[in-house]
Amino acid sequence: MFLQSTHDSSESASETARKASVSAGAGDGQVFTGAALEQRVEALLTAGPAQAEPRMEKGPSEDLGASTVTPKATAIARAPACIQQGTGRSDAPIAVERGIFEGVRAYLVVMPHSTDSSRVQAYVVDAACVDAQPASTGKLLLTQTYPRH
């Protein structure tokens, strides 16, 4: 595999390394671009919020006190606080998914459209804020409106 990188003098070496790692397939999920973004939004809407982000809960077991793990779907999709802030909205997302946008780790956040119930608003927010110290607001990379099927 041949990997070519252009270096911007304003970009740190660690940022360049992070982008190279992401480009090489660091396992962050879907790629959010063009028609693929619309397809991801449609797939997330089809899955619905109950299936968007499964959560594992430990429950009691009758086998000598051992615990069992049973899947339980969340009722509402949740985004990290800085990602939610990056959308500029405080209402609950319909769906949230991690992935890659233009070589950068990002979150796709799907929310109801603010004025048209037949549409949704998709936000792609840079995920760098999730690990940032001190906490910061996520950088909005893209926003698109799509029909709600």
C-alpha atoms as a PDB file:
ATOM      1  CA  MET A   1       0.000   0.000   0.000  1.00  0.00           C
ATOM      2  CA  PHE A   2       1.366   3.404  -0.946  1.00  0.00           C
ATOM      3  CA  LEU A   3       0.425   6.274   1.338  1.00  0.00           C
ATOM      4  CA  GLN A   4       1.201   9.802   0.230  1.00  0.00           C
ATOM      5  CA  SER A   5       0.877  12.696   2.640  1.00  0.00           C
ATOM      6  CA  THR A   6       1.111  16.415   2.139  1.00  0.00           C
ATOM      7  CA  HIS A   7       2.428  18.349   5.102  1.00  0.00           C
ATOM      8  CA  ASP A   8       0.996  21.724   6.024  1.00  0.00           C
ATOM      9  CA  SER A   9       3.482  23.722   8.075  1.00  0.00           C
ATOM     10  CA  SER A  10       0.696  24.705  10.480  1.00  0.00           C
ATOM     11  CA  GLU A  11      -0.106  21.059  11.172  1.00  0.00           C
ATOM     12  CA  SER A  12       1.709  19.336  14.019  1.00  0.00           C
ATOM     13  CA  ALA A  13       3.532  16.033  13.583  1.00  0.00           C
ATOM     14  CA  SER A  14       1.067  14.322  15.927  1.00  0.00           C
ATOM     15  CA  GLU A  15      -1.888  15.606  13.883  1.00  0.00           C
ATOM     16  CA  THR A  16      -0.242  14.317  10.691  1.00  0.00           C
ATOM     17  CA  ALA A  17       0.337  10.924  12.329  1.00  0.00           C
ATOM     18  CA  ARG A  18      -3.283  10.811  13.564  1.00  0.00           C
ATOM     19  CA  LYS A  19      -4.613  11.535  10.080  1.00  0.00           C
ATOM     20  CA  ALA A  20      -2.318   8.891   8.547  1.00  0.00           C
ATOM     21  CA  SER A  21      -3.559   6.372  11.109  1.00  0.00           C
ATOM     22  CA  VAL A  22      -7.171   7.235  10.339  1.00  0.00           C
ATOM     23  CA  SER A  23      -6.554   7.047   6.578  1.00  0.00           C
ATOM     24  CA  ALA A  24      -4.946   3.640   6.987  1.00  0.00           C
ATOM     25  CA  GLY A  25      -8.154   2.317   8.535  1.00  0.00           C
ATOM     26  CA  ALA A  26      -7.969   2.757  12.276  1.00  0.00           C
ATOM     27  CA  GLY A  27     -11.307   0.968  12.616  1.00  0.00           C
ATOM     28  CA  ASP A  28     -13.579   3.902  13.416  1.00  0.00           C
ATOM     29  CA  GLY A  29     -16.429   2.671  11.232  1.00  0.00           C
ATOM     30  CA  GLN A  30     -18.159   4.218   8.245  1.00  0.00           C
ATOM     31  CA  VAL A  31     -16.811   6.809   5.835  1.00  0.00           C
ATOM     32  CA  PHE A  32     -19.094   9.850   5.671  1.00  0.00           C
ATOM     33  CA  THR A  33     -18.968  11.397   2.190  1.00  0.00           C
ATOM     34  CA  GLY A  34     -21.403  12.379  -0.585  1.00  0.00           C
ATOM     35  CA  ALA A  35     -23.978   9.729  -1.439  1.00  0.00           C
ATOM     36  CA  ALA A  36     -22.502   7.409   1.204  1.00  0.00           C
ATOM     37  CA  LEU A  37     -23.489   9.941   3.883  1.00  0.00           C
ATOM     38  CA  GLU A  38     -27.099   9.961   2.708  1.00  0.00           C
ATOM     39  CA  GLN A  39     -27.080   6.136   2.671  1.00  0.00           C
ATOM     40  CA  ARG A  40     -25.749   6.058   6.261  1.00  0.00           C
ATOM     41  CA  VAL A  41     -28.467   8.475   7.386  1.00  0.00           C
ATOM     42  CA  GLU A  42     -31.125   6.295   5.717  1.00  0.00           C
ATOM     43  CA  ALA A  43     -29.686   3.152   7.320  1.00  0.00           C
ATOM     44  CA  LEU A  44     -29.637   4.769  10.764  1.00  0.00           C
ATOM     45  CA  LEU A  45     -33.222   5.963  10.350  1.00  0.00           C
ATOM     46  CA  THR A  46     -34.297   2.487   9.279  1.00  0.00           C
ATOM     47  CA  ALA A  47     -32.582   0.939  12.312  1.00  0.00           C
ATOM     48  CA  GLY A  48     -34.343   3.433  14.591  1.00  0.00           C
ATOM     49  CA  PRO A  49     -33.085   4.812  17.878  1.00  0.00           C
ATOM     50  CA  ALA A  50     -33.732   1.590  19.772  1.00  0.00           C
ATOM     51  CA  GLN A  51     -31.160  -0.236  17.640  1.00  0.00           C
ATOM     52  CA  ALA A  52     -28.753   2.618  16.979  1.00  0.00           C
ATOM     53  CA  GLU A  53     -26.510   2.056  19.984  1.00  0.00           C
ATOM     54  CA  PRO A  54     -26.793  -1.171  21.994  1.00  0.00           C
ATOM     55  CA  ARG A  55     -25.787  -1.090  25.649  1.00  0.00           C
ATOM     56  CA  MET A  56     -24.677  -4.094  27.697  1.00  0.00           C
ATOM     57  CA  GLU A  57     -26.040  -4.486  31.214  1.00  0.00           C
ATOM     58  CA  LYS A  58     -25.115  -7.048  33.815  1.00  0.00           C
ATOM     59  CA  GLY A  59     -27.999  -8.923  35.332  1.00  0.00           C
ATOM     60  CA  PRO A  60     -28.253 -11.416  38.153  1.00  0.00           C
ATOM     61  CA  SER A  61     -27.582 -15.046  37.426  1.00  0.00           C
ATOM     62  CA  GLU A  62     -28.748 -18.147  39.200  1.00  0.00           C
ATOM     63  CA  ASP A  63     -25.407 -19.895  38.502  1.00  0.00           C
ATOM     64  CA  LEU A  64     -23.413 -19.609  41.725  1.00  0.00           C
ATOM     65  CA  GLY A  65     -23.538 -15.839  41.822  1.00  0.00           C
ATOM     66  CA  ALA A  66     -21.918 -15.314  38.419  1.00  0.00           C
ATOM     67  CA  SER A  67     -23.185 -12.388  36.403  1.00  0.00           C
ATOM     68  CA  THR A  68     -24.548 -12.651  32.900  1.00  0.00           C
ATOM     69  CA  VAL A  69     -24.452 -10.009  30.223  1.00  0.00           C
ATOM     70  CA  THR A  70     -27.627  -9.315  28.298  1.00  0.00           C
ATOM     71  CA  PRO A  71     -27.975  -6.752  25.519  1.00  0.00           C
ATOM     72  CA  LYS A  72     -30.390  -3.905  26.130  1.00  0.00           C
ATOM     73  CA  ALA A  73     -31.004  -1.260  23.489  1.00  0.00           C
ATOM     74  CA  THR A  74     -30.989   2.391  24.482  1.00  0.00           C
ATOM     75  CA  ALA A  75     -34.193   4.318  23.955  1.00  0.00           C
ATOM     76  CA  ILE A  76     -32.366   7.469  22.871  1.00  0.00           C
ATOM     77  CA  ALA A  77     -29.146   7.814  20.882  1.00  0.00           C
ATOM     78  CA  ARG A  78     -26.453   9.741  22.762  1.00  0.00           C
ATOM     79  CA  ALA A  79     -23.468  11.700  21.557  1.00  0.00           C
ATOM     80  CA  PRO A  80     -20.494  12.786  23.651  1.00  0.00           C
ATOM     81  CA  ALA A  81     -21.188  16.241  25.133  1.00  0.00           C
ATOM     82  CA  CYS A  82     -18.643  18.038  22.935  1.00  0.00           C
ATOM     83  CA  ILE A  83     -20.129  16.440  19.804  1.00  0.00           C
ATOM     84  CA  GLN A  84     -23.639  17.492  20.844  1.00  0.00           C
ATOM     85  CA  GLN A  85     -22.350  21.043  21.438  1.00  0.00           C
ATOM     86  CA  GLY A  86     -20.772  21.010  17.972  1.00  0.00           C
ATOM     87  CA  THR A  87     -24.218  20.619  16.415  1.00  0.00           C
ATOM     88  CA  GLY A  88     -25.366  23.805  18.130  1.00  0.00           C
ATOM     89  CA  ARG A  89     -28.502  21.994  19.322  1.00  0.00           C
ATOM     90  CA  SER A  90     -29.635  20.685  22.674  1.00  0.00           C
ATOM     91  CA  ASP A  91     -32.412  18.287  21.600  1.00  0.00           C
ATOM     92  CA  ALA A  92     -31.841  14.537  21.588  1.00  0.00           C
ATOM     93  CA  PRO A  93     -30.379  12.945  18.447  1.00  0.00           C
ATOM     94  CA  ILE A  94     -32.257  10.264  16.539  1.00  0.00           C
ATOM     95  CA  ALA A  95     -29.011   8.400  15.835  1.00  0.00           C
ATOM     96  CA  VAL A  96     -25.274   8.761  16.397  1.00  0.00           C
ATOM     97  CA  GLU A  97     -22.472   6.916  14.619  1.00  0.00           C
ATOM     98  CA  ARG A  98     -18.672   7.142  14.651  1.00  0.00           C
ATOM     99  CA  GLY A  99     -16.761   7.122  11.396  1.00  0.00           C
ATOM    100  CA  ILE A 100     -14.379   8.997   9.109  1.00  0.00           C
ATOM    101  CA  PHE A 101     -14.972  12.258   7.239  1.00  0.00           C
ATOM    102  CA  GLU A 102     -12.271  13.493   4.841  1.00  0.00           C
ATOM    103  CA  GLY A 103      -9.603  11.493   6.688  1.00  0.00           C
ATOM    104  CA  VAL A 104     -10.624  12.748  10.132  1.00  0.00           C
ATOM    105  CA  ARG A 105     -12.340  10.795  12.922  1.00  0.00           C
ATOM    106  CA  ALA A 106     -15.867  12.171  13.193  1.00  0.00           C
ATOM    107  CA  TYR A 107     -19.367  11.566  14.490  1.00  0.00           C
ATOM    108  CA  LEU A 108     -22.497  11.537  12.349  1.00  0.00           C
ATOM    109  CA  VAL A 109     -25.385  12.913  14.405  1.00  0.00           C
ATOM    110  CA  VAL A 110     -28.895  12.687  12.945  1.00  0.00           C
ATOM    111  CA  MET A 111     -31.532  14.978  14.457  1.00  0.00           C
ATOM    112  CA  PRO A 112     -35.100  15.913  13.609  1.00  0.00           C
ATOM    113  CA  HIS A 113     -35.257  18.928  11.300  1.00  0.00           C
ATOM    114  CA  SER A 114     -36.102  22.012  13.359  1.00  0.00           C
ATOM    115  CA  THR A 115     -38.993  23.197  11.137  1.00  0.00           C
ATOM    116  CA  ASP A 116     -39.965  20.306   8.835  1.00  0.00           C
ATOM    117  CA  SER A 117     -41.014  16.989  10.389  1.00  0.00           C
ATOM    118  CA  SER A 118     -40.674  15.224   7.023  1.00  0.00           C
ATOM    119  CA  ARG A 119     -36.904  15.862   7.041  1.00  0.00           C
ATOM    120  CA  VAL A 120     -33.869  15.226   9.241  1.00  0.00           C
ATOM    121  CA  GLN A 121     -30.698  17.215   9.755  1.00  0.00           C
ATOM    122  CA  ALA A 122     -27.387  15.344   9.621  1.00  0.00           C
ATOM    123  CA  TYR A 123     -24.335  16.827  11.327  1.00  0.00           C
ATOM    124  CA  VAL A 124     -20.761  15.597  10.921  1.00  0.00           C
ATOM    125  CA  VAL A 125     -18.631  16.769  13.855  1.00  0.00           C
ATOM    126  CA  ASP A 126     -14.867  16.300  14.323  1.00  0.00           C
ATOM    127  CA  ALA A 127     -14.230  13.723  17.073  1.00  0.00           C
ATOM    128  CA  ALA A 128     -10.964  15.324  18.285  1.00  0.00           C
ATOM    129  CA  CYS A 129     -12.857  17.092  21.087  1.00  0.00           C
ATOM    130  CA  VAL A 130     -13.745  13.771  22.718  1.00  0.00           C
ATOM    131  CA  ASP A 131     -10.153  13.285  23.926  1.00  0.00           C
ATOM    132  CA  ALA A 132      -9.264  16.990  24.231  1.00  0.00           C
ATOM    133  CA  GLN A 133      -8.071  18.419  27.538  1.00  0.00           C
ATOM    134  CA  PRO A 134      -9.432  20.847  28.514  1.00  0.00           C
ATOM    135  CA  ALA A 135     -12.857  19.998  27.140  1.00  0.00           C
ATOM    136  CA  SER A 136     -13.833  21.829  23.966  1.00  0.00           C
ATOM    137  CA  THR A 137     -16.738  22.065  21.551  1.00  0.00           C
ATOM    138  CA  GLY A 138     -16.579  19.767  18.521  1.00  0.00           C
ATOM    139  CA  LYS A 139     -15.860  21.394  15.193  1.00  0.00           C
ATOM    140  CA  LEU A 140     -18.814  21.162  12.802  1.00  0.00           C
ATOM    141  CA  LEU A 141     -17.479  19.751   9.521  1.00  0.00           C
ATOM    142  CA  LEU A 142     -20.707  19.350   7.521  1.00  0.00           C
ATOM    143  CA  THR A 143     -24.440  19.621   7.858  1.00  0.00           C
ATOM    144  CA  GLN A 144     -27.007  18.292   5.378  1.00  0.00           C
ATOM    145  CA  THR A 145     -30.784  17.926   5.274  1.00  0.00           C
ATOM    146  CA  TYR A 146     -32.377  14.683   4.062  1.00  0.00           C
ATOM    147  CA  PRO A 147     -35.928  13.372   3.683  1.00  0.00           C
ATOM    148  CA  ARG A 148     -37.212  11.302   6.594  1.00  0.00           C
ATOM    149  CA  HIS A 149     -38.401   8.020   5.086  1.00  0.00           C
END
